[in-house]
Amino acid sequence: MSHQTGIKANEKLLKIFGKAKNGKLRVIKISIENEELCCSATAEVKKDAERDFDKLVAPLIEDNVPCYILYRLDNKISVGYAWLMLSWVPDTSSIRQKMVYASTKATLKTEFSTAYIVEEIHATSRDETTWEGYQRHKKAFAAPAPLTTREEELVELRKTELNTDINTDTKHQTLGGIVCPITEAAEKAIRDLLNGTYDYLQFFIDLEAEEIQVSQTGIISITDLPKQIPEEHARYHLYLFKHTYEGDYLESFVFIYSMPGYTCSVRERMMYSSCKAPFLEKLRALGVEIVKKLEIDSGSELTTEFLQDELHPKKILQRPAFAKPKGPPNRGAKRLTKTQELS
């Protein structure tokens, strides 16, 4: 889910947007000033897109000042010339600047017209604002995202299922899990989470009543999240992870299943493992769109970097080639076997 700030383009910028559609402008620099989107600079087409890029864009980039750059490409689409949108938000920007620029980007795209914008770059370092950086971005964007360990396991599992011989002696597990009902208080907490009252819920299974209850609710920062994970008991957790990715402000529901090794009883481990899938189905039925499911054994794993990598895996442009291991040294000379001639 993304949120917008209410900041809109002023009249001068809207007029420039209208003129830009005729193709004469190459670059438009937009900044947020006095709670408005303003035009900071423009430049007309000089040569082709590649030769104009570094000459026209580089002077507009300031080290500690975020901005948006709209750059007109040479290729045409159905509505006219195609445009590239560059969001420049350096790492040295304040947290407020990062959030404001991330939340206002959708408004800018709408007011310029999303139909013209064919590519986007979120840049945090100067080398990403060059033509070479743009080409690297295109190459990375075209590369397939790598599978997580869990996704690779599922792929192998599906292959095994597809290649399984079915006959009268074959046995299959048809039970998808144990359905434990959830209490009314737990359902209410989930609805409150969806309404924004909380961003964190913790659930436990009452082993005697065999039902899922809510054990904790609250507004929890990512730095305090590891402290909520019990060290001696299993739990289910639902967390609304608020973060930015490639210039967009996102709020993503993450489901966390914590199981602290063998400190739990065998029955507790079996109940939490068996009830997880039906509980996830119940969450989906209540309207919770879970973006990522995680299994951990310790709260120390839950960092901003870990969640970012799980939700947005880094793309691998080129997998390393398999290196054939060398044979043992000092094998000795190869043996020559002579064939005996038949007399």
C-alpha atoms as a PDB file:
ATOM      1  CA  MET A   1       0.000   0.000   0.000  1.00  0.00           C
ATOM      2  CA  SER A   2       1.327   3.482  -0.849  1.00  0.00           C
ATOM      3  CA  HIS A   3       0.236   6.812   0.646  1.00  0.00           C
ATOM      4  CA  GLN A   4       0.275  10.323  -0.791  1.00  0.00           C
ATOM      5  CA  THR A   5       1.031  13.636   0.945  1.00  0.00           C
ATOM      6  CA  GLY A   6      -1.552  15.956  -0.644  1.00  0.00           C
ATOM      7  CA  ILE A   7       1.258  18.032  -2.207  1.00  0.00           C
ATOM      8  CA  LYS A   8       0.321  19.050  -5.772  1.00  0.00           C
ATOM      9  CA  ALA A   9       1.852  20.857  -8.733  1.00  0.00           C
ATOM     10  CA  ASN A  10       1.490  24.648  -8.843  1.00  0.00           C
ATOM     11  CA  GLU A  11       0.046  26.431 -11.892  1.00  0.00           C
ATOM     12  CA  LYS A  12       3.434  27.276 -13.409  1.00  0.00           C
ATOM     13  CA  LEU A  13       4.512  23.637 -13.345  1.00  0.00           C
ATOM     14  CA  LEU A  14       1.234  22.477 -14.874  1.00  0.00           C
ATOM     15  CA  LYS A  15       1.732  24.896 -17.787  1.00  0.00           C
ATOM     16  CA  ILE A  16       5.265  23.552 -18.324  1.00  0.00           C
ATOM     17  CA  PHE A  17       3.862  20.019 -18.336  1.00  0.00           C
ATOM     18  CA  GLY A  18       1.472  21.067 -21.094  1.00  0.00           C
ATOM     19  CA  LYS A  19       4.260  22.578 -23.216  1.00  0.00           C
ATOM     20  CA  ALA A  20       6.549  19.581 -22.648  1.00  0.00           C
ATOM     21  CA  LYS A  21       4.234  17.307 -24.619  1.00  0.00           C
ATOM     22  CA  ASN A  22       5.262  18.991 -27.912  1.00  0.00           C
ATOM     23  CA  GLY A  23       8.722  17.394 -27.604  1.00  0.00           C
ATOM     24  CA  LYS A  24      10.878  20.533 -27.476  1.00  0.00           C
ATOM     25  CA  LEU A  25      11.885  20.167 -23.822  1.00  0.00           C
ATOM     26  CA  ARG A  26      14.467  17.543 -22.887  1.00  0.00           C
ATOM     27  CA  VAL A  27      14.618  17.998 -19.098  1.00  0.00           C
ATOM     28  CA  ILE A  28      12.321  19.254 -16.332  1.00  0.00           C
ATOM     29  CA  LYS A  29      13.594  19.492 -12.755  1.00  0.00           C
ATOM     30  CA  ILE A  30      10.885  19.455 -10.085  1.00  0.00           C
ATOM     31  CA  SER A  31      11.336  20.251  -6.385  1.00  0.00           C
ATOM     32  CA  ILE A  32       9.017  20.380  -3.385  1.00  0.00           C
ATOM     33  CA  GLU A  33       8.896  23.921  -1.998  1.00  0.00           C
ATOM     34  CA  ASN A  34       6.327  25.396   0.398  1.00  0.00           C
ATOM     35  CA  GLU A  35       4.229  22.233   0.184  1.00  0.00           C
ATOM     36  CA  GLU A  36       4.015  22.505  -3.641  1.00  0.00           C
ATOM     37  CA  LEU A  37       5.606  20.785  -6.616  1.00  0.00           C
ATOM     38  CA  CYS A  38       7.589  23.510  -8.397  1.00  0.00           C
ATOM     39  CA  CYS A  39       9.652  23.717 -11.557  1.00  0.00           C
ATOM     40  CA  SER A  40      13.309  24.391 -10.639  1.00  0.00           C
ATOM     41  CA  ALA A  41      14.803  24.252 -14.137  1.00  0.00           C
ATOM     42  CA  THR A  42      14.179  23.166 -17.728  1.00  0.00           C
ATOM     43  CA  ALA A  43      16.411  22.484 -20.744  1.00  0.00           C
ATOM     44  CA  GLU A  44      15.564  22.053 -24.416  1.00  0.00           C
ATOM     45  CA  VAL A  45      16.619  19.244 -26.716  1.00  0.00           C
ATOM     46  CA  LYS A  46      20.182  19.709 -28.006  1.00  0.00           C
ATOM     47  CA  LYS A  47      21.268  16.436 -29.592  1.00  0.00           C
ATOM     48  CA  ASP A  48      20.130  12.847 -29.028  1.00  0.00           C
ATOM     49  CA  ALA A  49      19.036  11.448 -25.652  1.00  0.00           C
ATOM     50  CA  GLU A  50      22.373   9.745 -24.917  1.00  0.00           C
ATOM     51  CA  ARG A  51      24.560  12.773 -25.624  1.00  0.00           C
ATOM     52  CA  ASP A  52      22.207  15.211 -23.866  1.00  0.00           C
ATOM     53  CA  PHE A  53      21.823  13.144 -20.696  1.00  0.00           C
ATOM     54  CA  ASP A  54      25.054  13.796 -18.779  1.00  0.00           C
ATOM     55  CA  LYS A  55      25.412  17.371 -20.072  1.00  0.00           C
ATOM     56  CA  LEU A  56      21.914  18.420 -19.031  1.00  0.00           C
ATOM     57  CA  VAL A  57      21.146  16.262 -15.979  1.00  0.00           C
ATOM     58  CA  ALA A  58      24.462  16.457 -14.052  1.00  0.00           C
ATOM     59  CA  PRO A  59      24.281  20.255 -13.414  1.00  0.00           C
ATOM     60  CA  LEU A  60      20.783  19.836 -11.934  1.00  0.00           C
ATOM     61  CA  ILE A  61      21.833  17.300  -9.282  1.00  0.00           C
ATOM     62  CA  GLU A  62      22.733  18.807  -5.892  1.00  0.00           C
ATOM     63  CA  ASP A  63      24.492  16.645  -3.313  1.00  0.00           C
ATOM     64  CA  ASN A  64      22.115  16.968  -0.368  1.00  0.00           C
ATOM     65  CA  VAL A  65      18.939  18.213  -2.050  1.00  0.00           C
ATOM     66  CA  PRO A  66      16.311  15.746  -3.339  1.00  0.00           C
ATOM     67  CA  CYS A  67      14.417  16.429  -6.545  1.00  0.00           C
ATOM     68  CA  TYR A  68      12.602  14.771  -9.432  1.00  0.00           C
ATOM     69  CA  ILE A  69      13.955  14.820 -12.991  1.00  0.00           C
ATOM     70  CA  LEU A  70      11.700  14.200 -15.995  1.00  0.00           C
ATOM     71  CA  TYR A  71      13.835  13.335 -19.040  1.00  0.00           C
ATOM     72  CA  ARG A  72      12.446  13.084 -22.566  1.00  0.00           C
ATOM     73  CA  LEU A  73      13.699  10.054 -24.491  1.00  0.00           C
ATOM     74  CA  ASP A  74      13.937   9.830 -28.282  1.00  0.00           C
ATOM     75  CA  ASN A  75      11.501   6.973 -28.860  1.00  0.00           C
ATOM     76  CA  LYS A  76       7.801   7.618 -29.344  1.00  0.00           C
ATOM     77  CA  ILE A  77       4.831   5.768 -27.874  1.00  0.00           C
ATOM     78  CA  SER A  78       1.119   5.987 -28.686  1.00  0.00           C
ATOM     79  CA  VAL A  79       0.604   9.317 -26.840  1.00  0.00           C
ATOM     80  CA  GLY A  80       3.844  11.003 -27.942  1.00  0.00           C
ATOM     81  CA  TYR A  81       7.462  10.998 -26.753  1.00  0.00           C
ATOM     82  CA  ALA A  82       8.402   8.585 -23.967  1.00  0.00           C
ATOM     83  CA  TRP A  83       9.727  10.062 -20.696  1.00  0.00           C
ATOM     84  CA  LEU A  84      12.037   8.780 -17.971  1.00  0.00           C
ATOM     85  CA  MET A  85      11.350   9.753 -14.351  1.00  0.00           C
ATOM     86  CA  LEU A  86      14.397  10.037 -12.098  1.00  0.00           C
ATOM     87  CA  SER A  87      13.848  10.407  -8.340  1.00  0.00           C
ATOM     88  CA  TRP A  88      17.003  11.834  -6.770  1.00  0.00           C
ATOM     89  CA  VAL A  89      16.911  11.228  -2.993  1.00  0.00           C
ATOM     90  CA  PRO A  90      20.518  11.047  -1.696  1.00  0.00           C
ATOM     91  CA  ASP A  91      21.345   8.985   1.381  1.00  0.00           C
ATOM     92  CA  THR A  92      22.250  12.209   3.197  1.00  0.00           C
ATOM     93  CA  SER A  93      18.635  13.453   2.972  1.00  0.00           C
ATOM     94  CA  SER A  94      16.654  13.705   6.193  1.00  0.00           C
ATOM     95  CA  ILE A  95      14.098  10.996   6.990  1.00  0.00           C
ATOM     96  CA  ARG A  96      11.309  13.552   6.499  1.00  0.00           C
ATOM     97  CA  GLN A  97      12.610  14.460   3.016  1.00  0.00           C
ATOM     98  CA  LYS A  98      12.838  10.783   2.047  1.00  0.00           C
ATOM     99  CA  MET A  99       9.267  10.105   3.173  1.00  0.00           C
ATOM    100  CA  VAL A 100       7.830  13.265   1.557  1.00  0.00           C
ATOM    101  CA  TYR A 101       9.481  12.633  -1.817  1.00  0.00           C
ATOM    102  CA  ALA A 102       8.545   8.944  -1.762  1.00  0.00           C
ATOM    103  CA  SER A 103       4.908   9.743  -0.921  1.00  0.00           C
ATOM    104  CA  THR A 104       4.568  12.552  -3.490  1.00  0.00           C
ATOM    105  CA  LYS A 105       5.938  10.650  -6.487  1.00  0.00           C
ATOM    106  CA  ALA A 106       2.582   9.075  -7.370  1.00  0.00           C
ATOM    107  CA  THR A 107       0.937  12.530  -7.465  1.00  0.00           C
ATOM    108  CA  LEU A 108       3.651  13.894  -9.767  1.00  0.00           C
ATOM    109  CA  LYS A 109       3.245  10.973 -12.165  1.00  0.00           C
ATOM    110  CA  THR A 110      -0.521  11.492 -12.270  1.00  0.00           C
ATOM    111  CA  GLU A 111      -0.293  15.252 -12.916  1.00  0.00           C
ATOM    112  CA  PHE A 112       2.300  14.831 -15.664  1.00  0.00           C
ATOM    113  CA  SER A 113       0.337  11.800 -16.981  1.00  0.00           C
ATOM    114  CA  THR A 114       1.538   8.283 -16.287  1.00  0.00           C
ATOM    115  CA  ALA A 115       0.912   7.359 -19.936  1.00  0.00           C
ATOM    116  CA  TYR A 116       4.076   9.274 -20.937  1.00  0.00           C
ATOM    117  CA  ILE A 117       6.375   7.799 -18.253  1.00  0.00           C
ATOM    118  CA  VAL A 118       7.801   4.494 -19.469  1.00  0.00           C
ATOM    119  CA  GLU A 119      10.703   4.078 -17.026  1.00  0.00           C
ATOM    120  CA  GLU A 120      11.600   5.124 -13.481  1.00  0.00           C
ATOM    121  CA  ILE A 121      14.875   5.290 -11.558  1.00  0.00           C
ATOM    122  CA  HIS A 122      15.298   5.844  -7.822  1.00  0.00           C
ATOM    123  CA  ALA A 123      18.821   7.233  -7.371  1.00  0.00           C
ATOM    124  CA  THR A 124      20.684   7.686  -4.087  1.00  0.00           C
ATOM    125  CA  SER A 125      24.217   8.219  -5.435  1.00  0.00           C
ATOM    126  CA  ARG A 126      25.502  10.437  -8.239  1.00  0.00           C
ATOM    127  CA  ASP A 127      26.693   7.552 -10.417  1.00  0.00           C
ATOM    128  CA  GLU A 128      23.051   6.407 -10.688  1.00  0.00           C
ATOM    129  CA  THR A 129      22.104   9.754 -12.267  1.00  0.00           C
ATOM    130  CA  THR A 130      24.398   9.294 -15.304  1.00  0.00           C
ATOM    131  CA  TRP A 131      23.614   7.725 -18.671  1.00  0.00           C
ATOM    132  CA  GLU A 132      25.786   4.764 -17.714  1.00  0.00           C
ATOM    133  CA  GLY A 133      23.804   4.408 -14.471  1.00  0.00           C
ATOM    134  CA  TYR A 134      20.572   4.492 -16.468  1.00  0.00           C
ATOM    135  CA  GLN A 135      21.841   1.665 -18.702  1.00  0.00           C
ATOM    136  CA  ARG A 136      22.822  -0.396 -15.641  1.00  0.00           C
ATOM    137  CA  HIS A 137      19.331   0.134 -14.258  1.00  0.00           C
ATOM    138  CA  LYS A 138      17.752  -1.102 -17.499  1.00  0.00           C
ATOM    139  CA  LYS A 139      19.938  -4.192 -17.470  1.00  0.00           C
ATOM    140  CA  ALA A 140      19.151  -4.937 -13.817  1.00  0.00           C
ATOM    141  CA  PHE A 141      15.434  -4.365 -14.352  1.00  0.00           C
ATOM    142  CA  ALA A 142      15.421  -6.893 -17.195  1.00  0.00           C
ATOM    143  CA  ALA A 143      17.141  -9.571 -15.090  1.00  0.00           C
ATOM    144  CA  PRO A 144      14.888 -12.104 -13.322  1.00  0.00           C
ATOM    145  CA  ALA A 145      14.678 -11.804  -9.551  1.00  0.00           C
ATOM    146  CA  PRO A 146      16.417 -14.660  -7.715  1.00  0.00           C
ATOM    147  CA  LEU A 147      14.302 -17.133  -5.784  1.00  0.00           C
ATOM    148  CA  THR A 148      14.481 -17.152  -2.010  1.00  0.00           C
ATOM    149  CA  THR A 149      15.521 -20.370  -0.256  1.00  0.00           C
ATOM    150  CA  ARG A 150      11.903 -21.098   0.600  1.00  0.00           C
ATOM    151  CA  GLU A 151      10.755 -20.499  -3.003  1.00  0.00           C
ATOM    152  CA  GLU A 152      13.478 -22.842  -4.322  1.00  0.00           C
ATOM    153  CA  GLU A 153      12.296 -25.526  -1.886  1.00  0.00           C
ATOM    154  CA  LEU A 154       8.718 -25.118  -3.160  1.00  0.00           C
ATOM    155  CA  VAL A 155       9.866 -25.435  -6.774  1.00  0.00           C
ATOM    156  CA  GLU A 156      11.665 -28.697  -5.945  1.00  0.00           C
ATOM    157  CA  LEU A 157       8.614 -29.918  -4.044  1.00  0.00           C
ATOM    158  CA  ARG A 158       6.332 -29.241  -7.027  1.00  0.00           C
ATOM    159  CA  LYS A 159       8.754 -31.101  -9.313  1.00  0.00           C
ATOM    160  CA  THR A 160       8.658 -34.082  -6.966  1.00  0.00           C
ATOM    161  CA  GLU A 161       4.851 -33.997  -6.884  1.00  0.00           C
ATOM    162  CA  LEU A 162       4.616 -33.849 -10.678  1.00  0.00           C
ATOM    163  CA  ASN A 163       6.967 -36.809 -11.074  1.00  0.00           C
ATOM    164  CA  THR A 164       5.286 -39.013  -8.466  1.00  0.00           C
ATOM    165  CA  ASP A 165       3.900 -42.335  -9.756  1.00  0.00           C
ATOM    166  CA  ILE A 166       0.347 -42.887  -8.600  1.00  0.00           C
ATOM    167  CA  ASN A 167      -0.924 -46.428  -8.078  1.00  0.00           C
ATOM    168  CA  THR A 168      -2.993 -48.441  -5.633  1.00  0.00           C
ATOM    169  CA  ASP A 169      -0.071 -48.680  -3.218  1.00  0.00           C
ATOM    170  CA  THR A 170       0.682 -44.936  -3.207  1.00  0.00           C
ATOM    171  CA  LYS A 171      -0.185 -43.025  -0.027  1.00  0.00           C
ATOM    172  CA  HIS A 172      -0.792 -39.257   0.042  1.00  0.00           C
ATOM    173  CA  GLN A 173      -1.323 -36.834   2.883  1.00  0.00           C
ATOM    174  CA  THR A 174      -4.646 -35.139   2.192  1.00  0.00           C
ATOM    175  CA  LEU A 175      -4.921 -33.211   5.446  1.00  0.00           C
ATOM    176  CA  GLY A 176      -3.711 -29.633   4.850  1.00  0.00           C
ATOM    177  CA  GLY A 177      -3.474 -28.851   8.569  1.00  0.00           C
ATOM    178  CA  ILE A 178      -5.404 -28.675  11.815  1.00  0.00           C
ATOM    179  CA  VAL A 179      -8.023 -25.943  11.879  1.00  0.00           C
ATOM    180  CA  CYS A 180      -7.940 -24.152  15.223  1.00  0.00           C
ATOM    181  CA  PRO A 181     -10.737 -21.593  15.649  1.00  0.00           C
ATOM    182  CA  ILE A 182      -9.712 -18.035  16.506  1.00  0.00           C
ATOM    183  CA  THR A 183     -11.384 -16.159  19.333  1.00  0.00           C
ATOM    184  CA  GLU A 184     -13.626 -13.107  18.880  1.00  0.00           C
ATOM    185  CA  ALA A 185     -10.968 -10.945  20.543  1.00  0.00           C
ATOM    186  CA  ALA A 186      -8.404 -12.128  17.977  1.00  0.00           C
ATOM    187  CA  GLU A 187     -10.769 -11.346  15.078  1.00  0.00           C
ATOM    188  CA  LYS A 188     -11.423  -7.868  16.494  1.00  0.00           C
ATOM    189  CA  ALA A 189      -7.683  -7.228  16.837  1.00  0.00           C
ATOM    190  CA  ILE A 190      -7.185  -8.205  13.171  1.00  0.00           C
ATOM    191  CA  ARG A 191      -9.914  -5.767  12.082  1.00  0.00           C
ATOM    192  CA  ASP A 192      -8.363  -3.043  14.244  1.00  0.00           C
ATOM    193  CA  LEU A 193      -5.020  -3.752  12.574  1.00  0.00           C
ATOM    194  CA  LEU A 194      -6.605  -3.282   9.137  1.00  0.00           C
ATOM    195  CA  ASN A 195      -8.180  -0.006  10.325  1.00  0.00           C
ATOM    196  CA  GLY A 196      -4.801   1.334  11.443  1.00  0.00           C
ATOM    197  CA  THR A 197      -5.209   1.064  15.219  1.00  0.00           C
ATOM    198  CA  TYR A 198      -2.210  -1.266  15.482  1.00  0.00           C
ATOM    199  CA  ASP A 199       0.707  -2.319  13.304  1.00  0.00           C
ATOM    200  CA  TYR A 200       1.657  -5.435  15.296  1.00  0.00           C
ATOM    201  CA  LEU A 201      -0.301  -8.448  16.561  1.00  0.00           C
ATOM    202  CA  GLN A 202       0.954 -11.557  18.348  1.00  0.00           C
ATOM    203  CA  PHE A 203      -1.049 -14.798  18.562  1.00  0.00           C
ATOM    204  CA  PHE A 204      -0.661 -17.967  20.618  1.00  0.00           C
ATOM    205  CA  ILE A 205      -2.404 -21.342  20.557  1.00  0.00           C
ATOM    206  CA  ASP A 206      -4.185 -22.339  23.748  1.00  0.00           C
ATOM    207  CA  LEU A 207      -3.164 -26.011  23.744  1.00  0.00           C
ATOM    208  CA  GLU A 208      -5.951 -27.026  26.146  1.00  0.00           C
ATOM    209  CA  ALA A 209      -8.804 -25.205  24.380  1.00  0.00           C
ATOM    210  CA  GLU A 210      -7.149 -25.731  20.963  1.00  0.00           C
ATOM    211  CA  GLU A 211      -7.949 -22.210  19.785  1.00  0.00           C
ATOM    212  CA  ILE A 212      -5.895 -19.243  18.579  1.00  0.00           C
ATOM    213  CA  GLN A 213      -5.909 -16.209  20.861  1.00  0.00           C
ATOM    214  CA  VAL A 214      -4.360 -12.758  20.578  1.00  0.00           C
ATOM    215  CA  SER A 215      -1.625 -12.248  23.173  1.00  0.00           C
ATOM    216  CA  GLN A 216      -0.266  -8.811  22.267  1.00  0.00           C
ATOM    217  CA  THR A 217      -1.264  -5.739  20.241  1.00  0.00           C
ATOM    218  CA  GLY A 218       0.469  -2.428  19.716  1.00  0.00           C
ATOM    219  CA  ILE A 219       2.395   0.087  17.634  1.00  0.00           C
ATOM    220  CA  ILE A 220       5.904  -1.344  17.372  1.00  0.00           C
ATOM    221  CA  SER A 221       8.965   0.132  15.648  1.00  0.00           C
ATOM    222  CA  ILE A 222      11.211  -2.165  13.631  1.00  0.00           C
ATOM    223  CA  THR A 223      13.978  -1.711  16.240  1.00  0.00           C
ATOM    224  CA  ASP A 224      11.667  -2.970  19.000  1.00  0.00           C
ATOM    225  CA  LEU A 225      10.236  -5.859  16.972  1.00  0.00           C
ATOM    226  CA  PRO A 226      12.939  -8.410  17.969  1.00  0.00           C
ATOM    227  CA  LYS A 227      12.076  -7.839  21.654  1.00  0.00           C
ATOM    228  CA  GLN A 228       8.536  -9.124  21.073  1.00  0.00           C
ATOM    229  CA  ILE A 229       9.693 -12.630  20.069  1.00  0.00           C
ATOM    230  CA  PRO A 230       9.461 -15.088  23.018  1.00  0.00           C
ATOM    231  CA  GLU A 231      12.562 -17.202  23.663  1.00  0.00           C
ATOM    232  CA  GLU A 232      10.768 -20.253  25.100  1.00  0.00           C
ATOM    233  CA  HIS A 233       7.468 -20.514  23.232  1.00  0.00           C
ATOM    234  CA  ALA A 234       6.229 -20.542  19.631  1.00  0.00           C
ATOM    235  CA  ARG A 235       4.105 -17.670  18.355  1.00  0.00           C
ATOM    236  CA  TYR A 236       2.472 -16.256  15.228  1.00  0.00           C
ATOM    237  CA  HIS A 237       3.118 -12.568  14.498  1.00  0.00           C
ATOM    238  CA  LEU A 238       1.506 -10.142  12.035  1.00  0.00           C
ATOM    239  CA  TYR A 239       3.508  -6.985  11.365  1.00  0.00           C
ATOM    240  CA  LEU A 240       2.847  -3.996   9.081  1.00  0.00           C
ATOM    241  CA  PHE A 241       6.337  -3.193   7.779  1.00  0.00           C
ATOM    242  CA  LYS A 242       6.571   0.463   6.729  1.00  0.00           C
ATOM    243  CA  HIS A 243       9.460   1.203   4.391  1.00  0.00           C
ATOM    244  CA  THR A 244      10.556   2.777   1.120  1.00  0.00           C
ATOM    245  CA  TYR A 245      11.687   0.891  -1.962  1.00  0.00           C
ATOM    246  CA  GLU A 246      12.904   2.528  -5.187  1.00  0.00           C
ATOM    247  CA  GLY A 247      11.327   5.800  -4.119  1.00  0.00           C
ATOM    248  CA  ASP A 248       7.912   4.392  -3.188  1.00  0.00           C
ATOM    249  CA  TYR A 249       6.582   4.429   0.377  1.00  0.00           C
ATOM    250  CA  LEU A 250       5.152   0.986   1.115  1.00  0.00           C
ATOM    251  CA  GLU A 251       3.252  -0.699   3.935  1.00  0.00           C
ATOM    252  CA  SER A 252       3.491  -4.490   3.692  1.00  0.00           C
ATOM    253  CA  PHE A 253       1.942  -7.130   5.942  1.00  0.00           C
ATOM    254  CA  VAL A 254       4.529  -9.718   7.023  1.00  0.00           C
ATOM    255  CA  PHE A 255       3.517 -12.960   8.740  1.00  0.00           C
ATOM    256  CA  ILE A 256       6.179 -14.318  11.097  1.00  0.00           C
ATOM    257  CA  TYR A 257       6.153 -17.810  12.604  1.00  0.00           C
ATOM    258  CA  SER A 258       8.638 -17.961  15.481  1.00  0.00           C
ATOM    259  CA  MET A 259       9.711 -21.352  16.826  1.00  0.00           C
ATOM    260  CA  PRO A 260      12.653 -21.211  19.287  1.00  0.00           C
ATOM    261  CA  GLY A 261      14.123 -24.619  18.559  1.00  0.00           C
ATOM    262  CA  TYR A 262      13.613 -27.527  20.902  1.00  0.00           C
ATOM    263  CA  THR A 263      12.810 -25.510  24.028  1.00  0.00           C
ATOM    264  CA  CYS A 264       9.134 -26.079  23.138  1.00  0.00           C
ATOM    265  CA  SER A 265       7.316 -29.347  23.777  1.00  0.00           C
ATOM    266  CA  VAL A 266       6.748 -31.782  20.922  1.00  0.00           C
ATOM    267  CA  ARG A 267       2.992 -31.128  21.070  1.00  0.00           C
ATOM    268  CA  GLU A 268       3.483 -27.343  20.879  1.00  0.00           C
ATOM    269  CA  ARG A 269       5.762 -27.655  17.853  1.00  0.00           C
ATOM    270  CA  MET A 270       3.304 -29.962  16.089  1.00  0.00           C
ATOM    271  CA  MET A 271       0.282 -27.731  16.838  1.00  0.00           C
ATOM    272  CA  TYR A 272       1.904 -24.534  15.577  1.00  0.00           C
ATOM    273  CA  SER A 273       3.221 -26.263  12.461  1.00  0.00           C
ATOM    274  CA  SER A 274      -0.147 -27.886  11.659  1.00  0.00           C
ATOM    275  CA  CYS A 275      -2.333 -24.837  12.413  1.00  0.00           C
ATOM    276  CA  LYS A 276      -0.273 -22.343  10.404  1.00  0.00           C
ATOM    277  CA  ALA A 277      -1.730 -22.936   6.917  1.00  0.00           C
ATOM    278  CA  PRO A 278      -5.428 -22.823   8.018  1.00  0.00           C
ATOM    279  CA  PHE A 279      -4.677 -19.696  10.104  1.00  0.00           C
ATOM    280  CA  LEU A 280      -3.145 -17.981   7.061  1.00  0.00           C
ATOM    281  CA  GLU A 281      -6.286 -18.834   5.074  1.00  0.00           C
ATOM    282  CA  LYS A 282      -8.377 -17.257   7.824  1.00  0.00           C
ATOM    283  CA  LEU A 283      -6.271 -14.091   7.738  1.00  0.00           C
ATOM    284  CA  ARG A 284      -6.754 -13.852   3.965  1.00  0.00           C
ATOM    285  CA  ALA A 285     -10.502 -14.327   4.403  1.00  0.00           C
ATOM    286  CA  LEU A 286     -10.544 -11.400   6.860  1.00  0.00           C
ATOM    287  CA  GLY A 287      -8.853  -9.161   4.275  1.00  0.00           C
ATOM    288  CA  VAL A 288      -5.192  -9.308   5.302  1.00  0.00           C
ATOM    289  CA  GLU A 289      -2.970  -9.286   2.190  1.00  0.00           C
ATOM    290  CA  ILE A 290       0.207 -10.980   3.379  1.00  0.00           C
ATOM    291  CA  VAL A 291       3.175  -9.997   1.223  1.00  0.00           C
ATOM    292  CA  LYS A 292       5.747 -12.252   2.892  1.00  0.00           C
ATOM    293  CA  LYS A 293       5.715 -15.284   5.217  1.00  0.00           C
ATOM    294  CA  LEU A 294       8.786 -15.865   7.398  1.00  0.00           C
ATOM    295  CA  GLU A 295       9.918 -18.600   9.783  1.00  0.00           C
ATOM    296  CA  ILE A 296      12.493 -17.670  12.455  1.00  0.00           C
ATOM    297  CA  ASP A 297      13.908 -19.161  15.612  1.00  0.00           C
ATOM    298  CA  SER A 298      15.210 -15.930  17.134  1.00  0.00           C
ATOM    299  CA  GLY A 299      14.071 -12.312  17.200  1.00  0.00           C
ATOM    300  CA  SER A 300      17.609 -11.130  16.453  1.00  0.00           C
ATOM    301  CA  GLU A 301      17.003 -11.995  12.781  1.00  0.00           C
ATOM    302  CA  LEU A 302      14.362  -9.270  12.410  1.00  0.00           C
ATOM    303  CA  THR A 303      16.201  -6.194  11.162  1.00  0.00           C
ATOM    304  CA  THR A 304      15.265  -3.601   8.560  1.00  0.00           C
ATOM    305  CA  GLU A 305      17.884  -5.013   6.171  1.00  0.00           C
ATOM    306  CA  PHE A 306      16.594  -8.568   6.611  1.00  0.00           C
ATOM    307  CA  LEU A 307      12.968  -7.607   5.903  1.00  0.00           C
ATOM    308  CA  GLN A 308      13.983  -5.432   2.933  1.00  0.00           C
ATOM    309  CA  ASP A 309      15.971  -8.315   1.420  1.00  0.00           C
ATOM    310  CA  GLU A 310      13.111 -10.767   1.989  1.00  0.00           C
ATOM    311  CA  LEU A 311      10.476  -8.481   0.448  1.00  0.00           C
ATOM    312  CA  HIS A 312      12.672  -7.143  -2.359  1.00  0.00           C
ATOM    313  CA  PRO A 313      15.397  -9.694  -3.226  1.00  0.00           C
ATOM    314  CA  LYS A 314      18.389  -8.200  -4.998  1.00  0.00           C
ATOM    315  CA  LYS A 315      18.583  -9.138  -8.664  1.00  0.00           C
ATOM    316  CA  ILE A 316      21.568 -11.189  -9.785  1.00  0.00           C
ATOM    317  CA  LEU A 317      22.707 -10.069 -13.236  1.00  0.00           C
ATOM    318  CA  GLN A 318      25.051 -12.994 -13.836  1.00  0.00           C
ATOM    319  CA  ARG A 319      25.283 -16.230 -11.908  1.00  0.00           C
ATOM    320  CA  PRO A 320      28.858 -17.477 -11.354  1.00  0.00           C
ATOM    321  CA  ALA A 321      29.798 -20.404 -13.580  1.00  0.00           C
ATOM    322  CA  PHE A 322      30.283 -23.759 -11.900  1.00  0.00           C
ATOM    323  CA  ALA A 323      33.987 -24.410 -11.374  1.00  0.00           C
ATOM    324  CA  LYS A 324      34.946 -28.038 -11.806  1.00  0.00           C
ATOM    325  CA  PRO A 325      37.060 -29.095  -8.809  1.00  0.00           C
ATOM    326  CA  LYS A 326      40.640 -30.019  -9.511  1.00  0.00           C
ATOM    327  CA  GLY A 327      41.720 -33.631  -9.156  1.00  0.00           C
ATOM    328  CA  PRO A 328      44.103 -34.766  -6.413  1.00  0.00           C
ATOM    329  CA  PRO A 329      47.760 -33.801  -6.933  1.00  0.00           C
ATOM    330  CA  ASN A 330      50.508 -36.336  -7.711  1.00  0.00           C
ATOM    331  CA  ARG A 331      48.255 -38.850  -9.367  1.00  0.00           C
ATOM    332  CA  GLY A 332      51.215 -40.363 -11.151  1.00  0.00           C
ATOM    333  CA  ALA A 333      51.480 -41.270 -14.785  1.00  0.00           C
ATOM    334  CA  LYS A 334      48.498 -42.687 -16.603  1.00  0.00           C
ATOM    335  CA  ARG A 335      48.554 -46.441 -17.049  1.00  0.00           C
ATOM    336  CA  LEU A 336      48.662 -47.820 -20.543  1.00  0.00           C
ATOM    337  CA  THR A 337      46.896 -51.124 -21.085  1.00  0.00           C
ATOM    338  CA  LYS A 338      48.178 -53.174 -23.998  1.00  0.00           C
ATOM    339  CA  THR A 339      45.751 -55.358 -25.826  1.00  0.00           C
ATOM    340  CA  GLN A 340      46.913 -58.899 -26.342  1.00  0.00           C
ATOM    341  CA  GLU A 341      47.012 -60.110 -29.887  1.00  0.00           C
ATOM    342  CA  LEU A 342      45.278 -63.357 -30.632  1.00  0.00           C
ATOM    343  CA  SER A 343      47.648 -65.940 -32.004  1.00  0.00           C
END
